[in-house]
Amino acid sequence: MIGTIGFKDLRIVCILGIEDEERVKEQEIFVDFRVTTDFSNSADSDHLEDTIDYVTLAEICTRLAKENQFQLLEKYAAEVLEAVLDNSNILEASIKVRKPKGLASAAYSFVELSRKRT
């Protein structure tokens, strides 16, 4: 039984950007994340250890943003996908990262990436 799990609007405060101010002042980013996996075992067992824990996914997103000072949304998103796909139970992952202060005349700038297990 193949399905998806994830979250929307994970708020992370971090250093991310190329402008001088962005390199020294933390700002908010928001992350939407989803993974595709086989839920057969977890649907039968009803045990957390048999599924993909979205709390763990959120922790990975947060840790990578806070431990690194990425310049580009693309690099951050790619690093998250790479880290998550280390879990062999994940078949596909997609991430959307929004930066509200990325463009003064827009609600936010964003990047969206997807990656399948090869």
PDB file of N, CA and C in Angstrom:
ATOM      1  N   MET A   1       0.837  -1.161   0.000  1.00  0.00           N
ATOM      2  CA  MET A   1       0.000   0.000   0.000  1.00  0.00           C
ATOM      3  C   MET A   1       0.896   1.243   0.000  1.00  0.00           C
ATOM      4  N   ILE A   2       1.010   1.859  -1.153  1.00  0.00           N
ATOM      5  CA  ILE A   2       1.869   3.031  -1.328  1.00  0.00           C
ATOM      6  C   ILE A   2       1.076   4.292  -0.999  1.00  0.00           C
ATOM      7  N   GLY A   3       1.713   5.203  -0.255  1.00  0.00           N
ATOM      8  CA  GLY A   3       1.061   6.451   0.113  1.00  0.00           C
ATOM      9  C   GLY A   3       2.074   7.525   0.439  1.00  0.00           C
ATOM     10  N   THR A   4       1.575   8.658   0.911  1.00  0.00           N
ATOM     11  CA  THR A   4       2.454   9.785   1.239  1.00  0.00           C
ATOM     12  C   THR A   4       2.226  10.220   2.683  1.00  0.00           C
ATOM     13  N   ILE A   5       3.272  10.799   3.251  1.00  0.00           N
ATOM     14  CA  ILE A   5       3.224  11.378   4.589  1.00  0.00           C
ATOM     15  C   ILE A   5       4.068  12.643   4.547  1.00  0.00           C
ATOM     16  N   GLY A   6       3.732  13.616   5.370  1.00  0.00           N
ATOM     17  CA  GLY A   6       4.525  14.845   5.362  1.00  0.00           C
ATOM     18  C   GLY A   6       3.916  15.924   6.222  1.00  0.00           C
ATOM     19  N   PHE A   7       4.257  17.153   5.922  1.00  0.00           N
ATOM     20  CA  PHE A   7       3.762  18.300   6.678  1.00  0.00           C
ATOM     21  C   PHE A   7       3.820  19.544   5.806  1.00  0.00           C
ATOM     22  N   LYS A   8       3.119  20.588   6.249  1.00  0.00           N
ATOM     23  CA  LYS A   8       3.115  21.888   5.569  1.00  0.00           C
ATOM     24  C   LYS A   8       3.426  22.984   6.573  1.00  0.00           C
ATOM     25  N   ASP A   9       4.075  24.006   6.078  1.00  0.00           N
ATOM     26  CA  ASP A   9       4.328  25.234   6.845  1.00  0.00           C
ATOM     27  C   ASP A   9       5.179  25.036   8.099  1.00  0.00           C
ATOM     28  N   LEU A  10       6.183  24.164   8.014  1.00  0.00           N
ATOM     29  CA  LEU A  10       7.140  24.049   9.116  1.00  0.00           C
ATOM     30  C   LEU A  10       7.941  25.340   9.167  1.00  0.00           C
ATOM     31  N   ARG A  11       7.885  26.048  10.281  1.00  0.00           N
ATOM     32  CA  ARG A  11       8.579  27.331  10.435  1.00  0.00           C
ATOM     33  C   ARG A  11       9.965  27.080  11.002  1.00  0.00           C
ATOM     34  N   ILE A  12      10.975  27.591  10.295  1.00  0.00           N
ATOM     35  CA  ILE A  12      12.366  27.481  10.728  1.00  0.00           C
ATOM     36  C   ILE A  12      12.977  28.876  10.661  1.00  0.00           C
ATOM     37  N   VAL A  13      13.697  29.257  11.690  1.00  0.00           N
ATOM     38  CA  VAL A  13      14.409  30.532  11.710  1.00  0.00           C
ATOM     39  C   VAL A  13      15.889  30.212  11.557  1.00  0.00           C
ATOM     40  N   CYS A  14      16.515  30.761  10.500  1.00  0.00           N
ATOM     41  CA  CYS A  14      17.893  30.389  10.188  1.00  0.00           C
ATOM     42  C   CYS A  14      18.564  31.469   9.335  1.00  0.00           C
ATOM     43  N   ILE A  15      19.847  31.273   9.106  1.00  0.00           N
ATOM     44  CA  ILE A  15      20.603  32.098   8.156  1.00  0.00           C
ATOM     45  C   ILE A  15      20.494  31.422   6.794  1.00  0.00           C
ATOM     46  N   LEU A  16      19.911  32.106   5.821  1.00  0.00           N
ATOM     47  CA  LEU A  16      19.777  31.548   4.479  1.00  0.00           C
ATOM     48  C   LEU A  16      19.621  32.701   3.498  1.00  0.00           C
ATOM     49  N   GLY A  17      20.562  32.826   2.578  1.00  0.00           N
ATOM     50  CA  GLY A  17      20.474  33.875   1.572  1.00  0.00           C
ATOM     51  C   GLY A  17      21.838  34.355   1.135  1.00  0.00           C
ATOM     52  N   ILE A  18      21.848  35.222   0.138  1.00  0.00           N
ATOM     53  CA  ILE A  18      23.115  35.717  -0.411  1.00  0.00           C
ATOM     54  C   ILE A  18      23.394  37.180  -0.074  1.00  0.00           C
ATOM     55  N   GLU A  19      22.362  37.924   0.292  1.00  0.00           N
ATOM     56  CA  GLU A  19      22.558  39.339   0.607  1.00  0.00           C
ATOM     57  C   GLU A  19      23.319  39.487   1.925  1.00  0.00           C
ATOM     58  N   ASP A  20      24.059  40.588   2.071  1.00  0.00           N
ATOM     59  CA  ASP A  20      24.866  40.810   3.277  1.00  0.00           C
ATOM     60  C   ASP A  20      24.032  40.676   4.554  1.00  0.00           C
ATOM     61  N   GLU A  21      22.878  41.303   4.579  1.00  0.00           N
ATOM     62  CA  GLU A  21      22.029  41.243   5.770  1.00  0.00           C
ATOM     63  C   GLU A  21      21.572  39.809   6.064  1.00  0.00           C
ATOM     64  N   GLU A  22      21.281  39.046   5.000  1.00  0.00           N
ATOM     65  CA  GLU A  22      20.837  37.662   5.173  1.00  0.00           C
ATOM     66  C   GLU A  22      21.941  36.761   5.728  1.00  0.00           C
ATOM     67  N   ARG A  23      23.181  37.163   5.546  1.00  0.00           N
ATOM     68  CA  ARG A  23      24.308  36.353   6.014  1.00  0.00           C
ATOM     69  C   ARG A  23      24.548  36.524   7.511  1.00  0.00           C
ATOM     70  N   VAL A  24      23.948  37.549   8.106  1.00  0.00           N
ATOM     71  CA  VAL A  24      24.162  37.792   9.539  1.00  0.00           C
ATOM     72  C   VAL A  24      22.865  37.783  10.359  1.00  0.00           C
ATOM     73  N   LYS A  25      21.731  37.993   9.719  1.00  0.00           N
ATOM     74  CA  LYS A  25      20.464  38.085  10.446  1.00  0.00           C
ATOM     75  C   LYS A  25      19.569  36.901  10.086  1.00  0.00           C
ATOM     76  N   GLU A  26      19.132  36.181  11.113  1.00  0.00           N
ATOM     77  CA  GLU A  26      18.234  35.059  10.867  1.00  0.00           C
ATOM     78  C   GLU A  26      16.897  35.548  10.315  1.00  0.00           C
ATOM     79  N   GLN A  27      16.276  34.689   9.519  1.00  0.00           N
ATOM     80  CA  GLN A  27      14.961  34.990   8.977  1.00  0.00           C
ATOM     81  C   GLN A  27      14.138  33.714   8.933  1.00  0.00           C
ATOM     82  N   GLU A  28      12.843  33.873   8.763  1.00  0.00           N
ATOM     83  CA  GLU A  28      11.943  32.726   8.685  1.00  0.00           C
ATOM     84  C   GLU A  28      11.965  32.117   7.293  1.00  0.00           C
ATOM     85  N   ILE A  29      11.908  30.799   7.273  1.00  0.00           N
ATOM     86  CA  ILE A  29      11.562  30.071   6.062  1.00  0.00           C
ATOM     87  C   ILE A  29      10.448  29.104   6.452  1.00  0.00           C
ATOM     88  N   PHE A  30       9.699  28.670   5.468  1.00  0.00           N
ATOM     89  CA  PHE A  30       8.618  27.717   5.703  1.00  0.00           C
ATOM     90  C   PHE A  30       8.800  26.547   4.750  1.00  0.00           C
ATOM     91  N   VAL A  31       8.653  25.340   5.287  1.00  0.00           N
ATOM     92  CA  VAL A  31       8.926  24.132   4.523  1.00  0.00           C
ATOM     93  C   VAL A  31       7.672  23.270   4.450  1.00  0.00           C
ATOM     94  N   ASP A  32       7.342  22.843   3.228  1.00  0.00           N
ATOM     95  CA  ASP A  32       6.341  21.804   2.987  1.00  0.00           C
ATOM     96  C   ASP A  32       7.125  20.581   2.542  1.00  0.00           C
ATOM     97  N   PHE A  33       6.791  19.430   3.091  1.00  0.00           N
ATOM     98  CA  PHE A  33       7.576  18.236   2.789  1.00  0.00           C
ATOM     99  C   PHE A  33       6.662  17.027   2.709  1.00  0.00           C
ATOM    100  N   ARG A  34       6.945  16.153   1.754  1.00  0.00           N
ATOM    101  CA  ARG A  34       6.183  14.913   1.639  1.00  0.00           C
ATOM    102  C   ARG A  34       7.076  13.811   1.110  1.00  0.00           C
ATOM    103  N   VAL A  35       6.815  12.607   1.589  1.00  0.00           N
ATOM    104  CA  VAL A  35       7.541  11.436   1.106  1.00  0.00           C
ATOM    105  C   VAL A  35       6.536  10.364   0.716  1.00  0.00           C
ATOM    106  N   THR A  36       6.950   9.545  -0.222  1.00  0.00           N
ATOM    107  CA  THR A  36       6.164   8.399  -0.657  1.00  0.00           C
ATOM    108  C   THR A  36       6.842   7.146  -0.128  1.00  0.00           C
ATOM    109  N   THR A  37       6.044   6.257   0.445  1.00  0.00           N
ATOM    110  CA  THR A  37       6.579   5.027   1.020  1.00  0.00           C
ATOM    111  C   THR A  37       5.510   3.943   0.989  1.00  0.00           C
ATOM    112  N   ASP A  38       5.899   2.737   1.339  1.00  0.00           N
ATOM    113  CA  ASP A  38       4.967   1.616   1.444  1.00  0.00           C
ATOM    114  C   ASP A  38       4.447   1.565   2.884  1.00  0.00           C
ATOM    115  N   PHE A  39       3.155   1.744   3.049  1.00  0.00           N
ATOM    116  CA  PHE A  39       2.542   1.755   4.372  1.00  0.00           C
ATOM    117  C   PHE A  39       1.954   0.405   4.772  1.00  0.00           C
ATOM    118  N   SER A  40       2.247  -0.654   4.034  1.00  0.00           N
ATOM    119  CA  SER A  40       1.657  -1.964   4.327  1.00  0.00           C
ATOM    120  C   SER A  40       1.924  -2.405   5.759  1.00  0.00           C
ATOM    121  N   ASN A  41       3.170  -2.347   6.200  1.00  0.00           N
ATOM    122  CA  ASN A  41       3.515  -2.802   7.553  1.00  0.00           C
ATOM    123  C   ASN A  41       2.865  -1.935   8.625  1.00  0.00           C
ATOM    124  N   SER A  42       2.961  -0.617   8.485  1.00  0.00           N
ATOM    125  CA  SER A  42       2.411   0.261   9.528  1.00  0.00           C
ATOM    126  C   SER A  42       0.881   0.211   9.566  1.00  0.00           C
ATOM    127  N   ALA A  43       0.251   0.025   8.425  1.00  0.00           N
ATOM    128  CA  ALA A  43      -1.207  -0.079   8.401  1.00  0.00           C
ATOM    129  C   ALA A  43      -1.672  -1.345   9.117  1.00  0.00           C
ATOM    130  N   ASP A  44      -0.872  -2.403   9.042  1.00  0.00           N
ATOM    131  CA  ASP A  44      -1.196  -3.649   9.748  1.00  0.00           C
ATOM    132  C   ASP A  44      -0.853  -3.581  11.230  1.00  0.00           C
ATOM    133  N   SER A  45       0.327  -3.043  11.550  1.00  0.00           N
ATOM    134  CA  SER A  45       0.833  -3.113  12.928  1.00  0.00           C
ATOM    135  C   SER A  45       0.352  -1.984  13.837  1.00  0.00           C
ATOM    136  N   ASP A  46       0.107  -0.808  13.278  1.00  0.00           N
ATOM    137  CA  ASP A  46      -0.244   0.383  14.058  1.00  0.00           C
ATOM    138  C   ASP A  46       0.892   0.795  14.996  1.00  0.00           C
ATOM    139  N   HIS A  47       2.151   0.542  14.572  1.00  0.00           N
ATOM    140  CA  HIS A  47       3.333   0.893  15.362  1.00  0.00           C
ATOM    141  C   HIS A  47       4.168   1.937  14.637  1.00  0.00           C
ATOM    142  N   LEU A  48       4.614   2.930  15.376  1.00  0.00           N
ATOM    143  CA  LEU A  48       5.410   4.019  14.816  1.00  0.00           C
ATOM    144  C   LEU A  48       6.678   3.519  14.138  1.00  0.00           C
ATOM    145  N   GLU A  49       7.329   2.516  14.709  1.00  0.00           N
ATOM    146  CA  GLU A  49       8.587   2.028  14.134  1.00  0.00           C
ATOM    147  C   GLU A  49       8.407   1.381  12.759  1.00  0.00           C
ATOM    148  N   ASP A  50       7.165   1.145  12.345  1.00  0.00           N
ATOM    149  CA  ASP A  50       6.909   0.548  11.034  1.00  0.00           C
ATOM    150  C   ASP A  50       6.552   1.577   9.964  1.00  0.00           C
ATOM    151  N   THR A  51       6.700   2.841  10.277  1.00  0.00           N
ATOM    152  CA  THR A  51       6.344   3.883   9.315  1.00  0.00           C
ATOM    153  C   THR A  51       7.451   4.925   9.231  1.00  0.00           C
ATOM    154  N   ILE A  52       7.233   5.940   8.449  1.00  0.00           N
ATOM    155  CA  ILE A  52       8.117   7.098   8.388  1.00  0.00           C
ATOM    156  C   ILE A  52       7.559   8.124   9.369  1.00  0.00           C
ATOM    157  N   ASP A  53       8.366   8.522  10.325  1.00  0.00           N
ATOM    158  CA  ASP A  53       7.934   9.452  11.362  1.00  0.00           C
ATOM    159  C   ASP A  53       8.089  10.888  10.853  1.00  0.00           C
ATOM    160  N   TYR A  54       6.985  11.594  10.699  1.00  0.00           N
ATOM    161  CA  TYR A  54       7.073  12.969  10.187  1.00  0.00           C
ATOM    162  C   TYR A  54       7.774  13.900  11.158  1.00  0.00           C
ATOM    163  N   VAL A  55       7.806  13.550  12.441  1.00  0.00           N
ATOM    164  CA  VAL A  55       8.575  14.344  13.407  1.00  0.00           C
ATOM    165  C   VAL A  55      10.064  14.265  13.071  1.00  0.00           C
ATOM    166  N   THR A  56      10.526  13.073  12.724  1.00  0.00           N
ATOM    167  CA  THR A  56      11.930  12.897  12.322  1.00  0.00           C
ATOM    168  C   THR A  56      12.229  13.688  11.055  1.00  0.00           C
ATOM    169  N   LEU A  57      11.301  13.679  10.105  1.00  0.00           N
ATOM    170  CA  LEU A  57      11.490  14.454   8.873  1.00  0.00           C
ATOM    171  C   LEU A  57      11.618  15.945   9.196  1.00  0.00           C
ATOM    172  N   ALA A  58      10.771  16.437  10.073  1.00  0.00           N
ATOM    173  CA  ALA A  58      10.823  17.853  10.459  1.00  0.00           C
ATOM    174  C   ALA A  58      12.131  18.178  11.176  1.00  0.00           C
ATOM    175  N   GLU A  59      12.606  17.253  11.997  1.00  0.00           N
ATOM    176  CA  GLU A  59      13.883  17.463  12.695  1.00  0.00           C
ATOM    177  C   GLU A  59      15.044  17.552  11.710  1.00  0.00           C
ATOM    178  N   ILE A  60      15.021  16.732  10.661  1.00  0.00           N
ATOM    179  CA  ILE A  60      16.068  16.783   9.633  1.00  0.00           C
ATOM    180  C   ILE A  60      16.041  18.141   8.937  1.00  0.00           C
ATOM    181  N   CYS A  61      14.857  18.588   8.544  1.00  0.00           N
ATOM    182  CA  CYS A  61      14.724  19.894   7.881  1.00  0.00           C
ATOM    183  C   CYS A  61      15.260  21.013   8.769  1.00  0.00           C
ATOM    184  N   THR A  62      14.911  20.978  10.030  1.00  0.00           N
ATOM    185  CA  THR A  62      15.317  22.024  10.969  1.00  0.00           C
ATOM    186  C   THR A  62      16.815  21.977  11.230  1.00  0.00           C
ATOM    187  N   ARG A  63      17.333  20.789  11.494  1.00  0.00           N
ATOM    188  CA  ARG A  63      18.763  20.647  11.803  1.00  0.00           C
ATOM    189  C   ARG A  63      19.631  21.141  10.655  1.00  0.00           C
ATOM    190  N   LEU A  64      19.311  20.725   9.433  1.00  0.00           N
ATOM    191  CA  LEU A  64      20.123  21.138   8.284  1.00  0.00           C
ATOM    192  C   LEU A  64      20.080  22.649   8.075  1.00  0.00           C
ATOM    193  N   ALA A  65      18.926  23.256   8.284  1.00  0.00           N
ATOM    194  CA  ALA A  65      18.820  24.712   8.112  1.00  0.00           C
ATOM    195  C   ALA A  65      19.613  25.454   9.175  1.00  0.00           C
ATOM    196  N   LYS A  66      19.581  24.970  10.406  1.00  0.00           N
ATOM    197  CA  LYS A  66      20.231  25.671  11.511  1.00  0.00           C
ATOM    198  C   LYS A  66      21.734  25.411  11.585  1.00  0.00           C
ATOM    199  N   GLU A  67      22.182  24.208  11.193  1.00  0.00           N
ATOM    200  CA  GLU A  67      23.605  23.864  11.294  1.00  0.00           C
ATOM    201  C   GLU A  67      24.429  24.400  10.126  1.00  0.00           C
ATOM    202  N   ASN A  68      23.769  24.749   9.053  1.00  0.00           N
ATOM    203  CA  ASN A  68      24.453  25.262   7.860  1.00  0.00           C
ATOM    204  C   ASN A  68      23.960  26.681   7.608  1.00  0.00           C
ATOM    205  N   GLN A  69      24.721  27.413   6.866  1.00  0.00           N
ATOM    206  CA  GLN A  69      24.282  28.755   6.481  1.00  0.00           C
ATOM    207  C   GLN A  69      24.249  28.800   4.957  1.00  0.00           C
ATOM    208  N   PHE A  70      23.245  28.140   4.411  1.00  0.00           N
ATOM    209  CA  PHE A  70      23.122  28.033   2.964  1.00  0.00           C
ATOM    210  C   PHE A  70      22.890  29.405   2.340  1.00  0.00           C
ATOM    211  N   GLN A  71      23.404  29.567   1.133  1.00  0.00           N
ATOM    212  CA  GLN A  71      23.149  30.787   0.380  1.00  0.00           C
ATOM    213  C   GLN A  71      21.893  30.651  -0.473  1.00  0.00           C
ATOM    214  N   LEU A  72      21.671  29.458  -1.000  1.00  0.00           N
ATOM    215  CA  LEU A  72      20.566  29.252  -1.936  1.00  0.00           C
ATOM    216  C   LEU A  72      19.511  28.308  -1.376  1.00  0.00           C
ATOM    217  N   LEU A  73      18.255  28.626  -1.640  1.00  0.00           N
ATOM    218  CA  LEU A  73      17.163  27.725  -1.288  1.00  0.00           C
ATOM    219  C   LEU A  73      17.356  26.366  -1.947  1.00  0.00           C
ATOM    220  N   GLU A  74      17.849  26.375  -3.183  1.00  0.00           N
ATOM    221  CA  GLU A  74      18.046  25.142  -3.934  1.00  0.00           C
ATOM    222  C   GLU A  74      19.018  24.197  -3.234  1.00  0.00           C
ATOM    223  N   LYS A  75      20.096  24.737  -2.718  1.00  0.00           N
ATOM    224  CA  LYS A  75      21.097  23.918  -2.032  1.00  0.00           C
ATOM    225  C   LYS A  75      20.512  23.324  -0.761  1.00  0.00           C
ATOM    226  N   TYR A  76      19.828  24.136   0.005  1.00  0.00           N
ATOM    227  CA  TYR A  76      19.190  23.639   1.225  1.00  0.00           C
ATOM    228  C   TYR A  76      18.206  22.516   0.894  1.00  0.00           C
ATOM    229  N   ALA A  77      17.327  22.742  -0.063  1.00  0.00           N
ATOM    230  CA  ALA A  77      16.326  21.745  -0.432  1.00  0.00           C
ATOM    231  C   ALA A  77      16.979  20.448  -0.903  1.00  0.00           C
ATOM    232  N   ALA A  78      18.020  20.554  -1.715  1.00  0.00           N
ATOM    233  CA  ALA A  78      18.719  19.366  -2.217  1.00  0.00           C
ATOM    234  C   ALA A  78      19.372  18.587  -1.080  1.00  0.00           C
ATOM    235  N   GLU A  79      19.943  19.285  -0.113  1.00  0.00           N
ATOM    236  CA  GLU A  79      20.577  18.619   1.032  1.00  0.00           C
ATOM    237  C   GLU A  79      19.539  17.875   1.879  1.00  0.00           C
ATOM    238  N   VAL A  80      18.378  18.462   2.051  1.00  0.00           N
ATOM    239  CA  VAL A  80      17.318  17.785   2.799  1.00  0.00           C
ATOM    240  C   VAL A  80      16.894  16.520   2.071  1.00  0.00           C
ATOM    241  N   LEU A  81      16.680  16.613   0.768  1.00  0.00           N
ATOM    242  CA  LEU A  81      16.279  15.431   0.005  1.00  0.00           C
ATOM    243  C   LEU A  81      17.324  14.330   0.105  1.00  0.00           C
ATOM    244  N   GLU A  82      18.583  14.694  -0.013  1.00  0.00           N
ATOM    245  CA  GLU A  82      19.655  13.700   0.079  1.00  0.00           C
ATOM    246  C   GLU A  82      19.651  13.017   1.447  1.00  0.00           C
ATOM    247  N   ALA A  83      19.504  13.783   2.498  1.00  0.00           N
ATOM    248  CA  ALA A  83      19.505  13.216   3.851  1.00  0.00           C
ATOM    249  C   ALA A  83      18.317  12.281   4.068  1.00  0.00           C
ATOM    250  N   VAL A  84      17.156  12.678   3.603  1.00  0.00           N
ATOM    251  CA  VAL A  84      15.953  11.878   3.810  1.00  0.00           C
ATOM    252  C   VAL A  84      15.994  10.593   2.995  1.00  0.00           C
ATOM    253  N   LEU A  85      16.527  10.665   1.791  1.00  0.00           N
ATOM    254  CA  LEU A  85      16.576   9.470   0.947  1.00  0.00           C
ATOM    255  C   LEU A  85      17.622   8.461   1.413  1.00  0.00           C
ATOM    256  N   ASP A  86      18.357   8.772   2.482  1.00  0.00           N
ATOM    257  CA  ASP A  86      19.203   7.763   3.121  1.00  0.00           C
ATOM    258  C   ASP A  86      18.353   6.652   3.721  1.00  0.00           C
ATOM    259  N   ASN A  87      17.098   6.958   4.022  1.00  0.00           N
ATOM    260  CA  ASN A  87      16.168   5.953   4.530  1.00  0.00           C
ATOM    261  C   ASN A  87      15.675   5.128   3.345  1.00  0.00           C
ATOM    262  N   SER A  88      16.037   3.857   3.314  1.00  0.00           N
ATOM    263  CA  SER A  88      15.727   3.008   2.162  1.00  0.00           C
ATOM    264  C   SER A  88      14.234   2.744   1.995  1.00  0.00           C
ATOM    265  N   ASN A  89      13.420   3.054   2.992  1.00  0.00           N
ATOM    266  CA  ASN A  89      11.974   2.865   2.874  1.00  0.00           C
ATOM    267  C   ASN A  89      11.287   4.006   2.134  1.00  0.00           C
ATOM    268  N   ILE A  90      11.997   5.088   1.910  1.00  0.00           N
ATOM    269  CA  ILE A  90      11.415   6.230   1.206  1.00  0.00           C
ATOM    270  C   ILE A  90      11.648   6.066  -0.291  1.00  0.00           C
ATOM    271  N   LEU A  91      10.566   6.066  -1.037  1.00  0.00           N
ATOM    272  CA  LEU A  91      10.627   5.867  -2.482  1.00  0.00           C
ATOM    273  C   LEU A  91      10.821   7.180  -3.229  1.00  0.00           C
ATOM    274  N   GLU A  92      10.216   8.224  -2.710  1.00  0.00           N
ATOM    275  CA  GLU A  92      10.272   9.538  -3.353  1.00  0.00           C
ATOM    276  C   GLU A  92      10.063  10.607  -2.285  1.00  0.00           C
ATOM    277  N   ALA A  93      10.675  11.761  -2.493  1.00  0.00           N
ATOM    278  CA  ALA A  93      10.503  12.875  -1.559  1.00  0.00           C
ATOM    279  C   ALA A  93      10.391  14.171  -2.343  1.00  0.00           C
ATOM    280  N   SER A  94       9.601  15.095  -1.818  1.00  0.00           N
ATOM    281  CA  SER A  94       9.516  16.422  -2.429  1.00  0.00           C
ATOM    282  C   SER A  94       9.477  17.468  -1.320  1.00  0.00           C
ATOM    283  N   ILE A  95      10.052  18.613  -1.634  1.00  0.00           N
ATOM    284  CA  ILE A  95      10.163  19.697  -0.668  1.00  0.00           C
ATOM    285  C   ILE A  95       9.868  21.021  -1.366  1.00  0.00           C
ATOM    286  N   LYS A  96       9.174  21.879  -0.661  1.00  0.00           N
ATOM    287  CA  LYS A  96       8.962  23.251  -1.113  1.00  0.00           C
ATOM    288  C   LYS A  96       9.430  24.147   0.021  1.00  0.00           C
ATOM    289  N   VAL A  97      10.338  25.060  -0.282  1.00  0.00           N
ATOM    290  CA  VAL A  97      10.879  25.981   0.711  1.00  0.00           C
ATOM    291  C   VAL A  97      10.472  27.388   0.306  1.00  0.00           C
ATOM    292  N   ARG A  98       9.808  28.096   1.231  1.00  0.00           N
ATOM    293  CA  ARG A  98       9.352  29.456   0.970  1.00  0.00           C
ATOM    294  C   ARG A  98      10.110  30.425   1.869  1.00  0.00           C
ATOM    295  N   LYS A  99      10.509  31.536   1.285  1.00  0.00           N
ATOM    296  CA  LYS A  99      11.220  32.581   2.026  1.00  0.00           C
ATOM    297  C   LYS A  99      10.408  33.868   1.894  1.00  0.00           C
ATOM    298  N   PRO A 100       9.663  34.246   2.947  1.00  0.00           N
ATOM    299  CA  PRO A 100       8.786  35.418   2.865  1.00  0.00           C
ATOM    300  C   PRO A 100       9.504  36.722   2.533  1.00  0.00           C
ATOM    301  N   LYS A 101      10.731  36.868   2.956  1.00  0.00           N
ATOM    302  CA  LYS A 101      11.436  38.129   2.702  1.00  0.00           C
ATOM    303  C   LYS A 101      12.380  38.028   1.503  1.00  0.00           C
ATOM    304  N   GLY A 102      12.166  37.039   0.654  1.00  0.00           N
ATOM    305  CA  GLY A 102      13.052  36.845  -0.489  1.00  0.00           C
ATOM    306  C   GLY A 102      12.897  37.890  -1.580  1.00  0.00           C
ATOM    307  N   LEU A 103      11.707  38.428  -1.728  1.00  0.00           N
ATOM    308  CA  LEU A 103      11.427  39.397  -2.779  1.00  0.00           C
ATOM    309  C   LEU A 103      10.434  40.411  -2.213  1.00  0.00           C
ATOM    310  N   ALA A 104      10.836  41.647  -2.137  1.00  0.00           N
ATOM    311  CA  ALA A 104      10.035  42.676  -1.461  1.00  0.00           C
ATOM    312  C   ALA A 104       8.632  42.822  -2.042  1.00  0.00           C
ATOM    313  N   SER A 105       8.476  42.649  -3.337  1.00  0.00           N
ATOM    314  CA  SER A 105       7.182  42.883  -3.969  1.00  0.00           C
ATOM    315  C   SER A 105       6.338  41.614  -4.107  1.00  0.00           C
ATOM    316  N   ALA A 106       6.744  40.530  -3.450  1.00  0.00           N
ATOM    317  CA  ALA A 106       5.997  39.271  -3.517  1.00  0.00           C
ATOM    318  C   ALA A 106       5.742  38.742  -2.103  1.00  0.00           C
ATOM    319  N   ALA A 107       4.736  37.901  -1.983  1.00  0.00           N
ATOM    320  CA  ALA A 107       4.439  37.298  -0.678  1.00  0.00           C
ATOM    321  C   ALA A 107       5.610  36.447  -0.195  1.00  0.00           C
ATOM    322  N   TYR A 108       6.251  35.761  -1.117  1.00  0.00           N
ATOM    323  CA  TYR A 108       7.428  34.954  -0.800  1.00  0.00           C
ATOM    324  C   TYR A 108       8.091  34.489  -2.088  1.00  0.00           C
ATOM    325  N   SER A 109       9.356  34.123  -1.972  1.00  0.00           N
ATOM    326  CA  SER A 109      10.038  33.414  -3.051  1.00  0.00           C
ATOM    327  C   SER A 109      10.078  31.947  -2.634  1.00  0.00           C
ATOM    328  N   PHE A 110      10.248  31.046  -3.596  1.00  0.00           N
ATOM    329  CA  PHE A 110      10.260  29.634  -3.236  1.00  0.00           C
ATOM    330  C   PHE A 110      11.060  28.812  -4.231  1.00  0.00           C
ATOM    331  N   VAL A 111      11.408  27.614  -3.775  1.00  0.00           N
ATOM    332  CA  VAL A 111      11.965  26.588  -4.641  1.00  0.00           C
ATOM    333  C   VAL A 111      11.265  25.287  -4.278  1.00  0.00           C
ATOM    334  N   GLU A 112      11.028  24.465  -5.281  1.00  0.00           N
ATOM    335  CA  GLU A 112      10.374  23.179  -5.069  1.00  0.00           C
ATOM    336  C   GLU A 112      11.168  22.118  -5.818  1.00  0.00           C
ATOM    337  N   LEU A 113      11.592  21.082  -5.091  1.00  0.00           N
ATOM    338  CA  LEU A 113      12.380  20.001  -5.678  1.00  0.00           C
ATOM    339  C   LEU A 113      11.771  18.652  -5.319  1.00  0.00           C
ATOM    340  N   SER A 114      11.949  17.684  -6.209  1.00  0.00           N
ATOM    341  CA  SER A 114      11.531  16.302  -5.962  1.00  0.00           C
ATOM    342  C   SER A 114      12.652  15.373  -6.378  1.00  0.00           C
ATOM    343  N   ARG A 115      12.688  14.244  -5.708  1.00  0.00           N
ATOM    344  CA  ARG A 115      13.709  13.254  -6.062  1.00  0.00           C
ATOM    345  C   ARG A 115      13.167  11.855  -5.791  1.00  0.00           C
ATOM    346  N   LYS A 116      13.407  10.940  -6.740  1.00  0.00           N
ATOM    347  CA  LYS A 116      13.012   9.540  -6.592  1.00  0.00           C
ATOM    348  C   LYS A 116      14.238   8.700  -6.283  1.00  0.00           C
ATOM    349  N   ARG A 117      13.996   7.619  -5.545  1.00  0.00           N
ATOM    350  CA  ARG A 117      15.070   6.673  -5.270  1.00  0.00           C
ATOM    351  C   ARG A 117      15.505   6.046  -6.595  1.00  0.00           C
ATOM    352  N   THR A 118      16.802   5.946  -6.782  1.00  0.00           N
ATOM    353  CA  THR A 118      17.301   5.344  -8.032  1.00  0.00           C
ATOM    354  C   THR A 118      17.868   3.974  -7.778  1.00  0.00           C
TER     355      THR A 118
END
